[in-house]
Amino acid sequence: MRTLNGALRPLQCSLVAGMLISLVFTTGCATPVGVKKLDPKTVQRTLTGNMLTSGRVSPFTAQILNRFGRAEEFHRNPAQHG
């Protein structure tokens, strides 16, 4: 019986190690991104909105301001840039 138990111990260790490795990989690959469903009108207003229609800069304008490092400056004094 010792040889049977001795043979099972490495098999059990490798199974446990394999399960732990697969657990680590499956948890590490999970995306932390959430999706919220919106109605089409809200999406259209958000994507096409601008300073005149929504009182906020459009997502495209915010992206350009951030890209060129002007977002903080714009938020401090928006009238100067408009």
PDB file of N, CA and C in Angstrom:
ATOM      1  N   MET A   1       0.804  -1.197   0.000  1.00  0.00           N
ATOM      2  CA  MET A   1       0.000   0.000   0.000  1.00  0.00           C
ATOM      3  C   MET A   1       0.847   1.261   0.000  1.00  0.00           C
ATOM      4  N   ARG A   2       2.053   1.192   0.489  1.00  0.00           N
ATOM      5  CA  ARG A   2       2.886   2.387   0.513  1.00  0.00           C
ATOM      6  C   ARG A   2       3.201   2.879  -0.894  1.00  0.00           C
ATOM      7  N   THR A   3       3.447   1.992  -1.792  1.00  0.00           N
ATOM      8  CA  THR A   3       3.766   2.426  -3.143  1.00  0.00           C
ATOM      9  C   THR A   3       2.557   3.072  -3.810  1.00  0.00           C
ATOM     10  N   LEU A   4       1.354   2.593  -3.499  1.00  0.00           N
ATOM     11  CA  LEU A   4       0.145   3.192  -4.073  1.00  0.00           C
ATOM     12  C   LEU A   4      -0.044   4.607  -3.528  1.00  0.00           C
ATOM     13  N   ASN A   5       0.093   4.775  -2.206  1.00  0.00           N
ATOM     14  CA  ASN A   5      -0.028   6.104  -1.615  1.00  0.00           C
ATOM     15  C   ASN A   5       1.097   7.013  -2.076  1.00  0.00           C
ATOM     16  N   GLY A   6       2.286   6.469  -2.185  1.00  0.00           N
ATOM     17  CA  GLY A   6       3.415   7.257  -2.657  1.00  0.00           C
ATOM     18  C   GLY A   6       3.221   7.697  -4.096  1.00  0.00           C
ATOM     19  N   ALA A   7       2.550   6.910  -4.916  1.00  0.00           N
ATOM     20  CA  ALA A   7       2.305   7.268  -6.309  1.00  0.00           C
ATOM     21  C   ALA A   7       1.177   8.281  -6.432  1.00  0.00           C
ATOM     22  N   LEU A   8       0.241   8.243  -5.528  1.00  0.00           N
ATOM     23  CA  LEU A   8      -0.883   9.184  -5.584  1.00  0.00           C
ATOM     24  C   LEU A   8      -0.488  10.580  -5.118  1.00  0.00           C
ATOM     25  N   ARG A   9       0.429  10.685  -4.221  1.00  0.00           N
ATOM     26  CA  ARG A   9       0.807  11.986  -3.675  1.00  0.00           C
ATOM     27  C   ARG A   9       1.343  12.935  -4.768  1.00  0.00           C
ATOM     28  N   PRO A  10       2.289  12.540  -5.641  1.00  0.00           N
ATOM     29  CA  PRO A  10       2.725  13.449  -6.707  1.00  0.00           C
ATOM     30  C   PRO A  10       1.594  13.775  -7.686  1.00  0.00           C
ATOM     31  N   LEU A  11       0.716  12.801  -7.927  1.00  0.00           N
ATOM     32  CA  LEU A  11      -0.413  13.043  -8.816  1.00  0.00           C
ATOM     33  C   LEU A  11      -1.353  14.075  -8.225  1.00  0.00           C
ATOM     34  N   GLN A  12      -1.620  13.962  -6.930  1.00  0.00           N
ATOM     35  CA  GLN A  12      -2.484  14.927  -6.258  1.00  0.00           C
ATOM     36  C   GLN A  12      -1.852  16.320  -6.265  1.00  0.00           C
ATOM     37  N   CYS A  13      -0.561  16.384  -6.009  1.00  0.00           N
ATOM     38  CA  CYS A  13       0.125  17.682  -6.013  1.00  0.00           C
ATOM     39  C   CYS A  13       0.069  18.332  -7.392  1.00  0.00           C
ATOM     40  N   SER A  14       0.269  17.540  -8.426  1.00  0.00           N
ATOM     41  CA  SER A  14       0.238  18.118  -9.770  1.00  0.00           C
ATOM     42  C   SER A  14      -1.174  18.544 -10.153  1.00  0.00           C
ATOM     43  N   LEU A  15      -2.193  17.806  -9.698  1.00  0.00           N
ATOM     44  CA  LEU A  15      -3.581  18.226  -9.968  1.00  0.00           C
ATOM     45  C   LEU A  15      -3.913  19.528  -9.257  1.00  0.00           C
ATOM     46  N   VAL A  16      -3.520  19.637  -7.998  1.00  0.00           N
ATOM     47  CA  VAL A  16      -3.773  20.865  -7.234  1.00  0.00           C
ATOM     48  C   VAL A  16      -3.017  22.029  -7.862  1.00  0.00           C
ATOM     49  N   ALA A  17      -1.772  21.808  -8.242  1.00  0.00           N
ATOM     50  CA  ALA A  17      -0.981  22.874  -8.868  1.00  0.00           C
ATOM     51  C   ALA A  17      -1.615  23.294 -10.192  1.00  0.00           C
ATOM     52  N   GLY A  18      -2.073  22.332 -10.984  1.00  0.00           N
ATOM     53  CA  GLY A  18      -2.726  22.651 -12.253  1.00  0.00           C
ATOM     54  C   GLY A  18      -4.004  23.450 -12.052  1.00  0.00           C
ATOM     55  N   MET A  19      -4.767  23.088 -11.032  1.00  0.00           N
ATOM     56  CA  MET A  19      -6.006  23.824 -10.746  1.00  0.00           C
ATOM     57  C   MET A  19      -5.704  25.244 -10.291  1.00  0.00           C
ATOM     58  N   LEU A  20      -4.687  25.408  -9.465  1.00  0.00           N
ATOM     59  CA  LEU A  20      -4.325  26.752  -9.009  1.00  0.00           C
ATOM     60  C   LEU A  20      -3.830  27.618 -10.163  1.00  0.00           C
ATOM     61  N   ILE A  21      -3.037  27.042 -11.032  1.00  0.00           N
ATOM     62  CA  ILE A  21      -2.533  27.796 -12.183  1.00  0.00           C
ATOM     63  C   ILE A  21      -3.683  28.211 -13.090  1.00  0.00           C
ATOM     64  N   SER A  22      -4.613  27.293 -13.345  1.00  0.00           N
ATOM     65  CA  SER A  22      -5.749  27.649 -14.207  1.00  0.00           C
ATOM     66  C   SER A  22      -6.628  28.695 -13.539  1.00  0.00           C
ATOM     67  N   LEU A  23      -6.765  28.642 -12.226  1.00  0.00           N
ATOM     68  CA  LEU A  23      -7.538  29.647 -11.506  1.00  0.00           C
ATOM     69  C   LEU A  23      -6.892  31.018 -11.629  1.00  0.00           C
ATOM     70  N   VAL A  24      -5.581  31.078 -11.481  1.00  0.00           N
ATOM     71  CA  VAL A  24      -4.864  32.351 -11.600  1.00  0.00           C
ATOM     72  C   VAL A  24      -5.025  32.930 -13.001  1.00  0.00           C
ATOM     73  N   PHE A  25      -4.893  32.093 -14.024  1.00  0.00           N
ATOM     74  CA  PHE A  25      -5.008  32.588 -15.391  1.00  0.00           C
ATOM     75  C   PHE A  25      -6.424  33.031 -15.735  1.00  0.00           C
ATOM     76  N   THR A  26      -7.420  32.305 -15.272  1.00  0.00           N
ATOM     77  CA  THR A  26      -8.794  32.702 -15.597  1.00  0.00           C
ATOM     78  C   THR A  26      -9.189  33.969 -14.858  1.00  0.00           C
ATOM     79  N   THR A  27      -8.703  34.170 -13.646  1.00  0.00           N
ATOM     80  CA  THR A  27      -9.016  35.411 -12.931  1.00  0.00           C
ATOM     81  C   THR A  27      -8.224  36.578 -13.490  1.00  0.00           C
ATOM     82  N   GLY A  28      -7.018  36.337 -13.921  1.00  0.00           N
ATOM     83  CA  GLY A  28      -6.191  37.405 -14.470  1.00  0.00           C
ATOM     84  C   GLY A  28      -6.666  37.867 -15.833  1.00  0.00           C
ATOM     85  N   CYS A  29      -7.391  37.034 -16.539  1.00  0.00           N
ATOM     86  CA  CYS A  29      -7.856  37.389 -17.878  1.00  0.00           C
ATOM     87  C   CYS A  29      -9.242  38.010 -17.879  1.00  0.00           C
ATOM     88  N   ALA A  30      -9.886  38.078 -16.739  1.00  0.00           N
ATOM     89  CA  ALA A  30     -11.219  38.668 -16.675  1.00  0.00           C
ATOM     90  C   ALA A  30     -11.126  40.169 -16.904  1.00  0.00           C
ATOM     91  N   THR A  31     -11.987  40.699 -17.754  1.00  0.00           N
ATOM     92  CA  THR A  31     -11.955  42.131 -18.045  1.00  0.00           C
ATOM     93  C   THR A  31     -12.720  42.901 -16.978  1.00  0.00           C
ATOM     94  N   PRO A  32     -12.134  43.964 -16.458  1.00  0.00           N
ATOM     95  CA  PRO A  32     -12.803  44.766 -15.441  1.00  0.00           C
ATOM     96  C   PRO A  32     -13.675  45.859 -16.066  1.00  0.00           C
ATOM     97  N   VAL A  33     -14.209  45.614 -17.241  1.00  0.00           N
ATOM     98  CA  VAL A  33     -14.996  46.611 -17.947  1.00  0.00           C
ATOM     99  C   VAL A  33     -16.468  46.254 -17.825  1.00  0.00           C
ATOM    100  N   GLY A  34     -17.266  47.232 -17.502  1.00  0.00           N
ATOM    101  CA  GLY A  34     -18.703  47.016 -17.422  1.00  0.00           C
ATOM    102  C   GLY A  34     -19.405  47.689 -18.586  1.00  0.00           C
ATOM    103  N   VAL A  35     -20.538  47.170 -18.944  1.00  0.00           N
ATOM    104  CA  VAL A  35     -21.325  47.722 -20.040  1.00  0.00           C
ATOM    105  C   VAL A  35     -22.705  48.045 -19.513  1.00  0.00           C
ATOM    106  N   LYS A  36     -23.179  49.230 -19.852  1.00  0.00           N
ATOM    107  CA  LYS A  36     -24.509  49.640 -19.440  1.00  0.00           C
ATOM    108  C   LYS A  36     -25.315  49.946 -20.688  1.00  0.00           C
ATOM    109  N   LYS A  37     -26.462  49.346 -20.810  1.00  0.00           N
ATOM    110  CA  LYS A  37     -27.297  49.532 -21.986  1.00  0.00           C
ATOM    111  C   LYS A  37     -28.029  50.873 -21.896  1.00  0.00           C
ATOM    112  N   LEU A  38     -27.988  51.646 -22.972  1.00  0.00           N
ATOM    113  CA  LEU A  38     -28.680  52.933 -23.041  1.00  0.00           C
ATOM    114  C   LEU A  38     -29.616  52.941 -24.241  1.00  0.00           C
ATOM    115  N   ASP A  39     -30.590  53.819 -24.174  1.00  0.00           N
ATOM    116  CA  ASP A  39     -31.473  53.925 -25.327  1.00  0.00           C
ATOM    117  C   ASP A  39     -30.775  54.737 -26.427  1.00  0.00           C
ATOM    118  N   PRO A  40     -31.153  54.526 -27.683  1.00  0.00           N
ATOM    119  CA  PRO A  40     -30.468  55.177 -28.811  1.00  0.00           C
ATOM    120  C   PRO A  40     -30.472  56.704 -28.761  1.00  0.00           C
ATOM    121  N   LYS A  41     -31.543  57.312 -28.253  1.00  0.00           N
ATOM    122  CA  LYS A  41     -31.600  58.785 -28.192  1.00  0.00           C
ATOM    123  C   LYS A  41     -30.530  59.337 -27.251  1.00  0.00           C
ATOM    124  N   THR A  42     -30.338  58.687 -26.109  1.00  0.00           N
ATOM    125  CA  THR A  42     -29.329  59.138 -25.160  1.00  0.00           C
ATOM    126  C   THR A  42     -27.935  59.005 -25.753  1.00  0.00           C
ATOM    127  N   VAL A  43     -27.680  57.903 -26.433  1.00  0.00           N
ATOM    128  CA  VAL A  43     -26.383  57.704 -27.062  1.00  0.00           C
ATOM    129  C   VAL A  43     -26.140  58.763 -28.131  1.00  0.00           C
ATOM    130  N   GLN A  44     -27.144  59.041 -28.946  1.00  0.00           N
ATOM    131  CA  GLN A  44     -27.017  60.048 -30.005  1.00  0.00           C
ATOM    132  C   GLN A  44     -26.726  61.422 -29.411  1.00  0.00           C
ATOM    133  N   ARG A  45     -27.463  61.791 -28.351  1.00  0.00           N
ATOM    134  CA  ARG A  45     -27.238  63.095 -27.710  1.00  0.00           C
ATOM    135  C   ARG A  45     -25.833  63.181 -27.110  1.00  0.00           C
ATOM    136  N   THR A  46     -25.375  62.103 -26.521  1.00  0.00           N
ATOM    137  CA  THR A  46     -24.044  62.102 -25.903  1.00  0.00           C
ATOM    138  C   THR A  46     -22.948  62.226 -26.946  1.00  0.00           C
ATOM    139  N   LEU A  47     -23.082  61.489 -28.034  1.00  0.00           N
ATOM    140  CA  LEU A  47     -22.036  61.491 -29.059  1.00  0.00           C
ATOM    141  C   LEU A  47     -22.011  62.767 -29.887  1.00  0.00           C
ATOM    142  N   THR A  48     -23.173  63.370 -30.115  1.00  0.00           N
ATOM    143  CA  THR A  48     -23.221  64.552 -30.976  1.00  0.00           C
ATOM    144  C   THR A  48     -23.357  65.852 -30.197  1.00  0.00           C
ATOM    145  N   GLY A  49     -23.411  65.766 -28.873  1.00  0.00           N
ATOM    146  CA  GLY A  49     -23.564  66.969 -28.073  1.00  0.00           C
ATOM    147  C   GLY A  49     -22.330  67.858 -28.138  1.00  0.00           C
ATOM    148  N   ASN A  50     -22.549  69.162 -27.964  1.00  0.00           N
ATOM    149  CA  ASN A  50     -21.439  70.106 -27.927  1.00  0.00           C
ATOM    150  C   ASN A  50     -21.722  71.149 -26.858  1.00  0.00           C
ATOM    151  N   MET A  51     -20.898  72.170 -26.778  1.00  0.00           N
ATOM    152  CA  MET A  51     -21.043  73.186 -25.741  1.00  0.00           C
ATOM    153  C   MET A  51     -22.383  73.919 -25.846  1.00  0.00           C
ATOM    154  N   LEU A  52     -22.885  74.112 -27.046  1.00  0.00           N
ATOM    155  CA  LEU A  52     -24.142  74.835 -27.222  1.00  0.00           C
ATOM    156  C   LEU A  52     -25.362  73.991 -26.882  1.00  0.00           C
ATOM    157  N   THR A  53     -25.342  72.710 -27.227  1.00  0.00           N
ATOM    158  CA  THR A  53     -26.523  71.883 -27.010  1.00  0.00           C
ATOM    159  C   THR A  53     -26.572  71.236 -25.629  1.00  0.00           C
ATOM    160  N   SER A  54     -25.433  70.910 -25.056  1.00  0.00           N
ATOM    161  CA  SER A  54     -25.454  70.208 -23.767  1.00  0.00           C
ATOM    162  C   SER A  54     -24.772  70.976 -22.636  1.00  0.00           C
ATOM    163  N   GLY A  55     -24.062  72.048 -22.962  1.00  0.00           N
ATOM    164  CA  GLY A  55     -23.357  72.804 -21.938  1.00  0.00           C
ATOM    165  C   GLY A  55     -22.028  72.178 -21.552  1.00  0.00           C
ATOM    166  N   ARG A  56     -21.644  71.096 -22.230  1.00  0.00           N
ATOM    167  CA  ARG A  56     -20.371  70.429 -21.971  1.00  0.00           C
ATOM    168  C   ARG A  56     -19.648  70.227 -23.297  1.00  0.00           C
ATOM    169  N   VAL A  57     -18.347  70.035 -23.209  1.00  0.00           N
ATOM    170  CA  VAL A  57     -17.601  69.753 -24.430  1.00  0.00           C
ATOM    171  C   VAL A  57     -17.941  68.345 -24.903  1.00  0.00           C
ATOM    172  N   SER A  58     -17.834  68.138 -26.194  1.00  0.00           N
ATOM    173  CA  SER A  58     -18.108  66.816 -26.757  1.00  0.00           C
ATOM    174  C   SER A  58     -16.984  65.857 -26.370  1.00  0.00           C
ATOM    175  N   PRO A  59     -17.249  64.551 -26.426  1.00  0.00           N
ATOM    176  CA  PRO A  59     -16.187  63.592 -26.119  1.00  0.00           C
ATOM    177  C   PRO A  59     -14.970  63.762 -27.033  1.00  0.00           C
ATOM    178  N   PHE A  60     -15.197  64.103 -28.306  1.00  0.00           N
ATOM    179  CA  PHE A  60     -14.090  64.319 -29.240  1.00  0.00           C
ATOM    180  C   PHE A  60     -13.249  65.520 -28.808  1.00  0.00           C
ATOM    181  N   THR A  61     -13.911  66.615 -28.426  1.00  0.00           N
ATOM    182  CA  THR A  61     -13.193  67.811 -27.987  1.00  0.00           C
ATOM    183  C   THR A  61     -12.406  67.528 -26.709  1.00  0.00           C
ATOM    184  N   ALA A  62     -13.023  66.799 -25.767  1.00  0.00           N
ATOM    185  CA  ALA A  62     -12.317  66.449 -24.527  1.00  0.00           C
ATOM    186  C   ALA A  62     -11.085  65.605 -24.830  1.00  0.00           C
ATOM    187  N   GLN A  63     -11.193  64.710 -25.798  1.00  0.00           N
ATOM    188  CA  GLN A  63     -10.051  63.874 -26.173  1.00  0.00           C
ATOM    189  C   GLN A  63      -8.922  64.729 -26.753  1.00  0.00           C
ATOM    190  N   ILE A  64      -9.267  65.669 -27.622  1.00  0.00           N
ATOM    191  CA  ILE A  64      -8.252  66.542 -28.229  1.00  0.00           C
ATOM    192  C   ILE A  64      -7.607  67.436 -27.164  1.00  0.00           C
ATOM    193  N   LEU A  65      -8.410  67.994 -26.259  1.00  0.00           N
ATOM    194  CA  LEU A  65      -7.863  68.835 -25.190  1.00  0.00           C
ATOM    195  C   LEU A  65      -6.900  68.037 -24.318  1.00  0.00           C
ATOM    196  N   ASN A  66      -7.273  66.806 -23.980  1.00  0.00           N
ATOM    197  CA  ASN A  66      -6.384  65.959 -23.176  1.00  0.00           C
ATOM    198  C   ASN A  66      -5.116  65.597 -23.931  1.00  0.00           C
ATOM    199  N   ARG A  67      -5.250  65.309 -25.216  1.00  0.00           N
ATOM    200  CA  ARG A  67      -4.088  64.898 -26.012  1.00  0.00           C
ATOM    201  C   ARG A  67      -3.029  65.995 -26.052  1.00  0.00           C
ATOM    202  N   PHE A  68      -3.472  67.250 -26.152  1.00  0.00           N
ATOM    203  CA  PHE A  68      -2.523  68.354 -26.252  1.00  0.00           C
ATOM    204  C   PHE A  68      -2.261  69.049 -24.915  1.00  0.00           C
ATOM    205  N   GLY A  69      -2.744  68.449 -23.813  1.00  0.00           N
ATOM    206  CA  GLY A  69      -2.471  68.985 -22.482  1.00  0.00           C
ATOM    207  C   GLY A  69      -3.161  70.301 -22.204  1.00  0.00           C
ATOM    208  N   ARG A  70      -4.313  70.531 -22.813  1.00  0.00           N
ATOM    209  CA  ARG A  70      -5.029  71.790 -22.625  1.00  0.00           C
ATOM    210  C   ARG A  70      -6.309  71.663 -21.815  1.00  0.00           C
ATOM    211  N   ALA A  71      -6.615  70.481 -21.292  1.00  0.00           N
ATOM    212  CA  ALA A  71      -7.879  70.269 -20.585  1.00  0.00           C
ATOM    213  C   ALA A  71      -7.967  71.135 -19.329  1.00  0.00           C
ATOM    214  N   GLU A  72      -6.918  71.129 -18.521  1.00  0.00           N
ATOM    215  CA  GLU A  72      -6.936  71.936 -17.290  1.00  0.00           C
ATOM    216  C   GLU A  72      -7.083  73.418 -17.616  1.00  0.00           C
ATOM    217  N   GLU A  73      -6.342  73.871 -18.599  1.00  0.00           N
ATOM    218  CA  GLU A  73      -6.402  75.275 -19.006  1.00  0.00           C
ATOM    219  C   GLU A  73      -7.801  75.641 -19.494  1.00  0.00           C
ATOM    220  N   PHE A  74      -8.404  74.754 -20.264  1.00  0.00           N
ATOM    221  CA  PHE A  74      -9.751  75.004 -20.769  1.00  0.00           C
ATOM    222  C   PHE A  74     -10.773  75.055 -19.639  1.00  0.00           C
ATOM    223  N   HIS A  75     -10.645  74.151 -18.682  1.00  0.00           N
ATOM    224  CA  HIS A  75     -11.611  74.130 -17.565  1.00  0.00           C
ATOM    225  C   HIS A  75     -11.454  75.331 -16.651  1.00  0.00           C
ATOM    226  N   ARG A  76     -10.252  75.886 -16.558  1.00  0.00           N
ATOM    227  CA  ARG A  76     -10.065  77.096 -15.745  1.00  0.00           C
ATOM    228  C   ARG A  76     -10.682  78.307 -16.393  1.00  0.00           C
ATOM    229  N   ASN A  77     -10.565  78.428 -17.724  1.00  0.00           N
ATOM    230  CA  ASN A  77     -11.066  79.613 -18.407  1.00  0.00           C
ATOM    231  C   ASN A  77     -11.619  79.231 -19.788  1.00  0.00           C
ATOM    232  N   PRO A  78     -12.827  78.670 -19.848  1.00  0.00           N
ATOM    233  CA  PRO A  78     -13.369  78.221 -21.133  1.00  0.00           C
ATOM    234  C   PRO A  78     -13.694  79.380 -22.080  1.00  0.00           C
ATOM    235  N   ALA A  79     -14.016  80.551 -21.556  1.00  0.00           N
ATOM    236  CA  ALA A  79     -14.379  81.680 -22.419  1.00  0.00           C
ATOM    237  C   ALA A  79     -13.201  82.127 -23.277  1.00  0.00           C
ATOM    238  N   GLN A  80     -12.004  81.993 -22.778  1.00  0.00           N
ATOM    239  CA  GLN A  80     -10.824  82.418 -23.525  1.00  0.00           C
ATOM    240  C   GLN A  80     -10.614  81.544 -24.759  1.00  0.00           C
ATOM    241  N   HIS A  81     -11.024  80.286 -24.694  1.00  0.00           N
ATOM    242  CA  HIS A  81     -10.793  79.354 -25.798  1.00  0.00           C
ATOM    243  C   HIS A  81     -11.983  79.251 -26.727  1.00  0.00           C
ATOM    244  N   GLY A  82     -13.096  79.844 -26.380  1.00  0.00           N
ATOM    245  CA  GLY A  82     -14.297  79.681 -27.194  1.00  0.00           C
ATOM    246  C   GLY A  82     -14.467  80.718 -28.199  1.00  0.00           C
TER     247      GLY A  82
END
